[in-house]
Amino acid sequence: MFLAMLITGIAMVIVFLTLLFYSRTYGANGFVKKLADASKPESIKITHEFRNLLLWENR
């Protein structure tokens, strides 16, 4: 039981220090901002040509 409490305590300290580092580096909600920045796509694929959009048709 002591070993489980020790491992849990160490894990909590590591998570706290990680969140503190990102909060100081990137401001409020820094860890969430870092995760969102990492999940952005590198490019956007356009499947339709612009001339086919109703906005540019002569109607």
PDB file of N, CA and C in Angstrom:
ATOM      1  N   MET A   1       0.825  -1.184   0.000  1.00  0.00           N
ATOM      2  CA  MET A   1       0.000   0.000   0.000  1.00  0.00           C
ATOM      3  C   MET A   1       0.873   1.253   0.000  1.00  0.00           C
ATOM      4  N   PHE A   2       1.959   1.202   0.746  1.00  0.00           N
ATOM      5  CA  PHE A   2       2.865   2.356   0.766  1.00  0.00           C
ATOM      6  C   PHE A   2       3.463   2.604  -0.613  1.00  0.00           C
ATOM      7  N   LEU A   3       3.828   1.534  -1.311  1.00  0.00           N
ATOM      8  CA  LEU A   3       4.402   1.670  -2.650  1.00  0.00           C
ATOM      9  C   LEU A   3       3.393   2.283  -3.622  1.00  0.00           C
ATOM     10  N   ALA A   4       2.136   1.872  -3.542  1.00  0.00           N
ATOM     11  CA  ALA A   4       1.094   2.434  -4.407  1.00  0.00           C
ATOM     12  C   ALA A   4       0.893   3.917  -4.113  1.00  0.00           C
ATOM     13  N   MET A   5       0.890   4.290  -2.840  1.00  0.00           N
ATOM     14  CA  MET A   5       0.746   5.698  -2.471  1.00  0.00           C
ATOM     15  C   MET A   5       1.944   6.511  -2.942  1.00  0.00           C
ATOM     16  N   LEU A   6       3.133   5.937  -2.865  1.00  0.00           N
ATOM     17  CA  LEU A   6       4.339   6.626  -3.309  1.00  0.00           C
ATOM     18  C   LEU A   6       4.311   6.858  -4.821  1.00  0.00           C
ATOM     19  N   ILE A   7       3.948   5.842  -5.568  1.00  0.00           N
ATOM     20  CA  ILE A   7       3.878   5.960  -7.036  1.00  0.00           C
ATOM     21  C   ILE A   7       2.804   6.966  -7.436  1.00  0.00           C
ATOM     22  N   THR A   8       1.650   6.923  -6.767  1.00  0.00           N
ATOM     23  CA  THR A   8       0.578   7.879  -7.061  1.00  0.00           C
ATOM     24  C   THR A   8       1.016   9.303  -6.745  1.00  0.00           C
ATOM     25  N   GLY A   9       1.682   9.489  -5.618  1.00  0.00           N
ATOM     26  CA  GLY A   9       2.166  10.812  -5.240  1.00  0.00           C
ATOM     27  C   GLY A   9       3.190  11.352  -6.230  1.00  0.00           C
ATOM     28  N   ILE A  10       4.100  10.505  -6.661  1.00  0.00           N
ATOM     29  CA  ILE A  10       5.105  10.926  -7.645  1.00  0.00           C
ATOM     30  C   ILE A  10       4.445  11.284  -8.971  1.00  0.00           C
ATOM     31  N   ALA A  11       3.463  10.497  -9.392  1.00  0.00           N
ATOM     32  CA  ALA A  11       2.749  10.783 -10.639  1.00  0.00           C
ATOM     33  C   ALA A  11       2.002  12.106 -10.545  1.00  0.00           C
ATOM     34  N   MET A  12       1.388  12.384  -9.404  1.00  0.00           N
ATOM     35  CA  MET A  12       0.667  13.644  -9.221  1.00  0.00           C
ATOM     36  C   MET A  12       1.617  14.834  -9.258  1.00  0.00           C
ATOM     37  N   VAL A  13       2.801  14.695  -8.664  1.00  0.00           N
ATOM     38  CA  VAL A  13       3.790  15.775  -8.679  1.00  0.00           C
ATOM     39  C   VAL A  13       4.277  16.028 -10.106  1.00  0.00           C
ATOM     40  N   ILE A  14       4.515  14.973 -10.856  1.00  0.00           N
ATOM     41  CA  ILE A  14       4.975  15.121 -12.248  1.00  0.00           C
ATOM     42  C   ILE A  14       3.918  15.820 -13.096  1.00  0.00           C
ATOM     43  N   VAL A  15       2.657  15.425 -12.951  1.00  0.00           N
ATOM     44  CA  VAL A  15       1.578  16.068 -13.706  1.00  0.00           C
ATOM     45  C   VAL A  15       1.458  17.536 -13.304  1.00  0.00           C
ATOM     46  N   PHE A  16       1.523  17.811 -11.999  1.00  0.00           N
ATOM     47  CA  PHE A  16       1.435  19.193 -11.530  1.00  0.00           C
ATOM     48  C   PHE A  16       2.566  20.046 -12.086  1.00  0.00           C
ATOM     49  N   LEU A  17       3.791  19.547 -12.052  1.00  0.00           N
ATOM     50  CA  LEU A  17       4.931  20.318 -12.564  1.00  0.00           C
ATOM     51  C   LEU A  17       4.840  20.520 -14.076  1.00  0.00           C
ATOM     52  N   THR A  18       4.340  19.523 -14.792  1.00  0.00           N
ATOM     53  CA  THR A  18       4.158  19.669 -16.237  1.00  0.00           C
ATOM     54  C   THR A  18       3.137  20.753 -16.548  1.00  0.00           C
ATOM     55  N   LEU A  19       1.997  20.718 -15.857  1.00  0.00           N
ATOM     56  CA  LEU A  19       0.972  21.740 -16.073  1.00  0.00           C
ATOM     57  C   LEU A  19       1.469  23.120 -15.653  1.00  0.00           C
ATOM     58  N   LEU A  20       2.235  23.199 -14.590  1.00  0.00           N
ATOM     59  CA  LEU A  20       2.800  24.471 -14.146  1.00  0.00           C
ATOM     60  C   LEU A  20       3.767  25.024 -15.183  1.00  0.00           C
ATOM     61  N   PHE A  21       4.597  24.157 -15.771  1.00  0.00           N
ATOM     62  CA  PHE A  21       5.541  24.602 -16.797  1.00  0.00           C
ATOM     63  C   PHE A  21       4.808  25.175 -17.999  1.00  0.00           C
ATOM     64  N   TYR A  22       3.789  24.448 -18.503  1.00  0.00           N
ATOM     65  CA  TYR A  22       3.052  24.931 -19.676  1.00  0.00           C
ATOM     66  C   TYR A  22       2.240  26.178 -19.345  1.00  0.00           C
ATOM     67  N   SER A  23       1.746  26.290 -18.127  1.00  0.00           N
ATOM     68  CA  SER A  23       0.995  27.473 -17.739  1.00  0.00           C
ATOM     69  C   SER A  23       1.901  28.700 -17.712  1.00  0.00           C
ATOM     70  N   ARG A  24       3.104  28.535 -17.210  1.00  0.00           N
ATOM     71  CA  ARG A  24       4.037  29.673 -17.187  1.00  0.00           C
ATOM     72  C   ARG A  24       4.561  29.999 -18.576  1.00  0.00           C
ATOM     73  N   THR A  25       4.705  28.990 -19.419  1.00  0.00           N
ATOM     74  CA  THR A  25       5.248  29.213 -20.759  1.00  0.00           C
ATOM     75  C   THR A  25       4.219  29.816 -21.701  1.00  0.00           C
ATOM     76  N   TYR A  26       2.980  29.278 -21.682  1.00  0.00           N
ATOM     77  CA  TYR A  26       1.965  29.678 -22.654  1.00  0.00           C
ATOM     78  C   TYR A  26       0.803  30.437 -22.037  1.00  0.00           C
ATOM     79  N   GLY A  27       0.850  30.796 -20.769  1.00  0.00           N
ATOM     80  CA  GLY A  27      -0.222  31.547 -20.135  1.00  0.00           C
ATOM     81  C   GLY A  27      -1.311  30.633 -19.600  1.00  0.00           C
ATOM     82  N   ALA A  28      -2.476  31.236 -19.341  1.00  0.00           N
ATOM     83  CA  ALA A  28      -3.593  30.473 -18.781  1.00  0.00           C
ATOM     84  C   ALA A  28      -4.000  29.371 -19.753  1.00  0.00           C
ATOM     85  N   ASN A  29      -4.316  28.211 -19.219  1.00  0.00           N
ATOM     86  CA  ASN A  29      -4.688  27.037 -20.013  1.00  0.00           C
ATOM     87  C   ASN A  29      -3.600  26.667 -21.010  1.00  0.00           C
ATOM     88  N   GLY A  30      -2.353  26.809 -20.619  1.00  0.00           N
ATOM     89  CA  GLY A  30      -1.234  26.578 -21.523  1.00  0.00           C
ATOM     90  C   GLY A  30      -1.133  25.161 -22.029  1.00  0.00           C
ATOM     91  N   PHE A  31      -1.439  24.184 -21.170  1.00  0.00           N
ATOM     92  CA  PHE A  31      -1.343  22.788 -21.593  1.00  0.00           C
ATOM     93  C   PHE A  31      -2.387  22.479 -22.653  1.00  0.00           C
ATOM     94  N   VAL A  32      -3.591  23.013 -22.491  1.00  0.00           N
ATOM     95  CA  VAL A  32      -4.652  22.797 -23.475  1.00  0.00           C
ATOM     96  C   VAL A  32      -4.296  23.487 -24.788  1.00  0.00           C
ATOM     97  N   LYS A  33      -3.706  24.675 -24.710  1.00  0.00           N
ATOM     98  CA  LYS A  33      -3.289  25.383 -25.922  1.00  0.00           C
ATOM     99  C   LYS A  33      -2.211  24.602 -26.660  1.00  0.00           C
ATOM    100  N   LYS A  34      -1.291  24.003 -25.919  1.00  0.00           N
ATOM    101  CA  LYS A  34      -0.226  23.214 -26.542  1.00  0.00           C
ATOM    102  C   LYS A  34      -0.812  21.987 -27.229  1.00  0.00           C
ATOM    103  N   LEU A  35      -1.767  21.314 -26.589  1.00  0.00           N
ATOM    104  CA  LEU A  35      -2.411  20.155 -27.208  1.00  0.00           C
ATOM    105  C   LEU A  35      -3.193  20.561 -28.452  1.00  0.00           C
ATOM    106  N   ALA A  36      -3.885  21.698 -28.408  1.00  0.00           N
ATOM    107  CA  ALA A  36      -4.651  22.158 -29.558  1.00  0.00           C
ATOM    108  C   ALA A  36      -3.716  22.534 -30.707  1.00  0.00           C
ATOM    109  N   ASP A  37      -2.590  23.149 -30.393  1.00  0.00           N
ATOM    110  CA  ASP A  37      -1.636  23.524 -31.433  1.00  0.00           C
ATOM    111  C   ASP A  37      -1.046  22.287 -32.095  1.00  0.00           C
ATOM    112  N   ALA A  38      -0.840  21.240 -31.336  1.00  0.00           N
ATOM    113  CA  ALA A  38      -0.271  20.018 -31.890  1.00  0.00           C
ATOM    114  C   ALA A  38      -1.268  19.254 -32.753  1.00  0.00           C
ATOM    115  N   SER A  39      -2.564  19.469 -32.537  1.00  0.00           N
ATOM    116  CA  SER A  39      -3.560  18.711 -33.294  1.00  0.00           C
ATOM    117  C   SER A  39      -4.054  19.441 -34.539  1.00  0.00           C
ATOM    118  N   LYS A  40      -3.487  20.605 -34.854  1.00  0.00           N
ATOM    119  CA  LYS A  40      -3.895  21.335 -36.059  1.00  0.00           C
ATOM    120  C   LYS A  40      -3.429  20.587 -37.306  1.00  0.00           C
ATOM    121  N   PRO A  41      -4.239  20.591 -38.363  1.00  0.00           N
ATOM    122  CA  PRO A  41      -3.788  19.963 -39.603  1.00  0.00           C
ATOM    123  C   PRO A  41      -2.704  20.799 -40.267  1.00  0.00           C
ATOM    124  N   GLU A  42      -1.831  20.149 -41.015  1.00  0.00           N
ATOM    125  CA  GLU A  42      -0.757  20.868 -41.698  1.00  0.00           C
ATOM    126  C   GLU A  42      -1.259  21.579 -42.944  1.00  0.00           C
ATOM    127  N   SER A  43      -2.293  21.040 -43.571  1.00  0.00           N
ATOM    128  CA  SER A  43      -2.850  21.678 -44.754  1.00  0.00           C
ATOM    129  C   SER A  43      -4.337  21.365 -44.842  1.00  0.00           C
ATOM    130  N   ILE A  44      -5.040  22.133 -45.682  1.00  0.00           N
ATOM    131  CA  ILE A  44      -6.463  21.934 -45.892  1.00  0.00           C
ATOM    132  C   ILE A  44      -6.668  21.523 -47.346  1.00  0.00           C
ATOM    133  N   LYS A  45      -7.361  20.426 -47.555  1.00  0.00           N
ATOM    134  CA  LYS A  45      -7.604  19.926 -48.891  1.00  0.00           C
ATOM    135  C   LYS A  45      -8.946  20.450 -49.389  1.00  0.00           C
ATOM    136  N   ILE A  46      -8.945  21.062 -50.552  1.00  0.00           N
ATOM    137  CA  ILE A  46     -10.167  21.574 -51.157  1.00  0.00           C
ATOM    138  C   ILE A  46     -10.620  20.559 -52.196  1.00  0.00           C
ATOM    139  N   THR A  47     -11.837  20.028 -52.022  1.00  0.00           N
ATOM    140  CA  THR A  47     -12.320  18.996 -52.936  1.00  0.00           C
ATOM    141  C   THR A  47     -13.147  19.569 -54.071  1.00  0.00           C
ATOM    142  N   HIS A  48     -13.669  20.795 -53.918  1.00  0.00           N
ATOM    143  CA  HIS A  48     -14.483  21.408 -54.962  1.00  0.00           C
ATOM    144  C   HIS A  48     -13.732  22.580 -55.568  1.00  0.00           C
ATOM    145  N   GLU A  49     -13.918  22.766 -56.854  1.00  0.00           N
ATOM    146  CA  GLU A  49     -13.302  23.922 -57.486  1.00  0.00           C
ATOM    147  C   GLU A  49     -14.135  25.153 -57.164  1.00  0.00           C
ATOM    148  N   PHE A  50     -13.490  26.300 -57.138  1.00  0.00           N
ATOM    149  CA  PHE A  50     -14.185  27.526 -56.773  1.00  0.00           C
ATOM    150  C   PHE A  50     -15.253  27.909 -57.795  1.00  0.00           C
ATOM    151  N   ARG A  51     -15.068  27.583 -59.042  1.00  0.00           N
ATOM    152  CA  ARG A  51     -16.040  27.987 -60.060  1.00  0.00           C
ATOM    153  C   ARG A  51     -17.361  27.237 -59.914  1.00  0.00           C
ATOM    154  N   ASN A  52     -17.364  26.144 -59.202  1.00  0.00           N
ATOM    155  CA  ASN A  52     -18.592  25.380 -59.010  1.00  0.00           C
ATOM    156  C   ASN A  52     -19.433  25.887 -57.840  1.00  0.00           C
ATOM    157  N   LEU A  53     -18.918  26.816 -57.082  1.00  0.00           N
ATOM    158  CA  LEU A  53     -19.677  27.349 -55.966  1.00  0.00           C
ATOM    159  C   LEU A  53     -20.770  28.282 -56.461  1.00  0.00           C
ATOM    160  N   LEU A  54     -21.918  28.277 -55.809  1.00  0.00           N
ATOM    161  CA  LEU A  54     -23.030  29.120 -56.228  1.00  0.00           C
ATOM    162  C   LEU A  54     -22.705  30.601 -56.159  1.00  0.00           C
ATOM    163  N   LEU A  55     -21.772  30.953 -55.315  1.00  0.00           N
ATOM    164  CA  LEU A  55     -21.409  32.357 -55.138  1.00  0.00           C
ATOM    165  C   LEU A  55     -20.860  32.954 -56.448  1.00  0.00           C
ATOM    166  N   TRP A  56     -20.181  32.158 -57.243  1.00  0.00           N
ATOM    167  CA  TRP A  56     -19.567  32.677 -58.457  1.00  0.00           C
ATOM    168  C   TRP A  56     -20.354  32.368 -59.721  1.00  0.00           C
ATOM    169  N   GLU A  57     -21.469  31.681 -59.593  1.00  0.00           N
ATOM    170  CA  GLU A  57     -22.272  31.414 -60.793  1.00  0.00           C
ATOM    171  C   GLU A  57     -23.052  32.644 -61.178  1.00  0.00           C
ATOM    172  N   ASN A  58     -23.303  32.806 -62.458  1.00  0.00           N
ATOM    173  CA  ASN A  58     -24.062  33.950 -62.958  1.00  0.00           C
ATOM    174  C   ASN A  58     -25.549  33.651 -62.871  1.00  0.00           C
ATOM    175  N   ARG A  59     -26.126  33.941 -61.744  1.00  0.00           N
ATOM    176  CA  ARG A  59     -27.575  33.717 -61.537  1.00  0.00           C
ATOM    177  C   ARG A  59     -28.228  34.984 -61.135  1.00  0.00           C
TER     178      ARG A  59
END
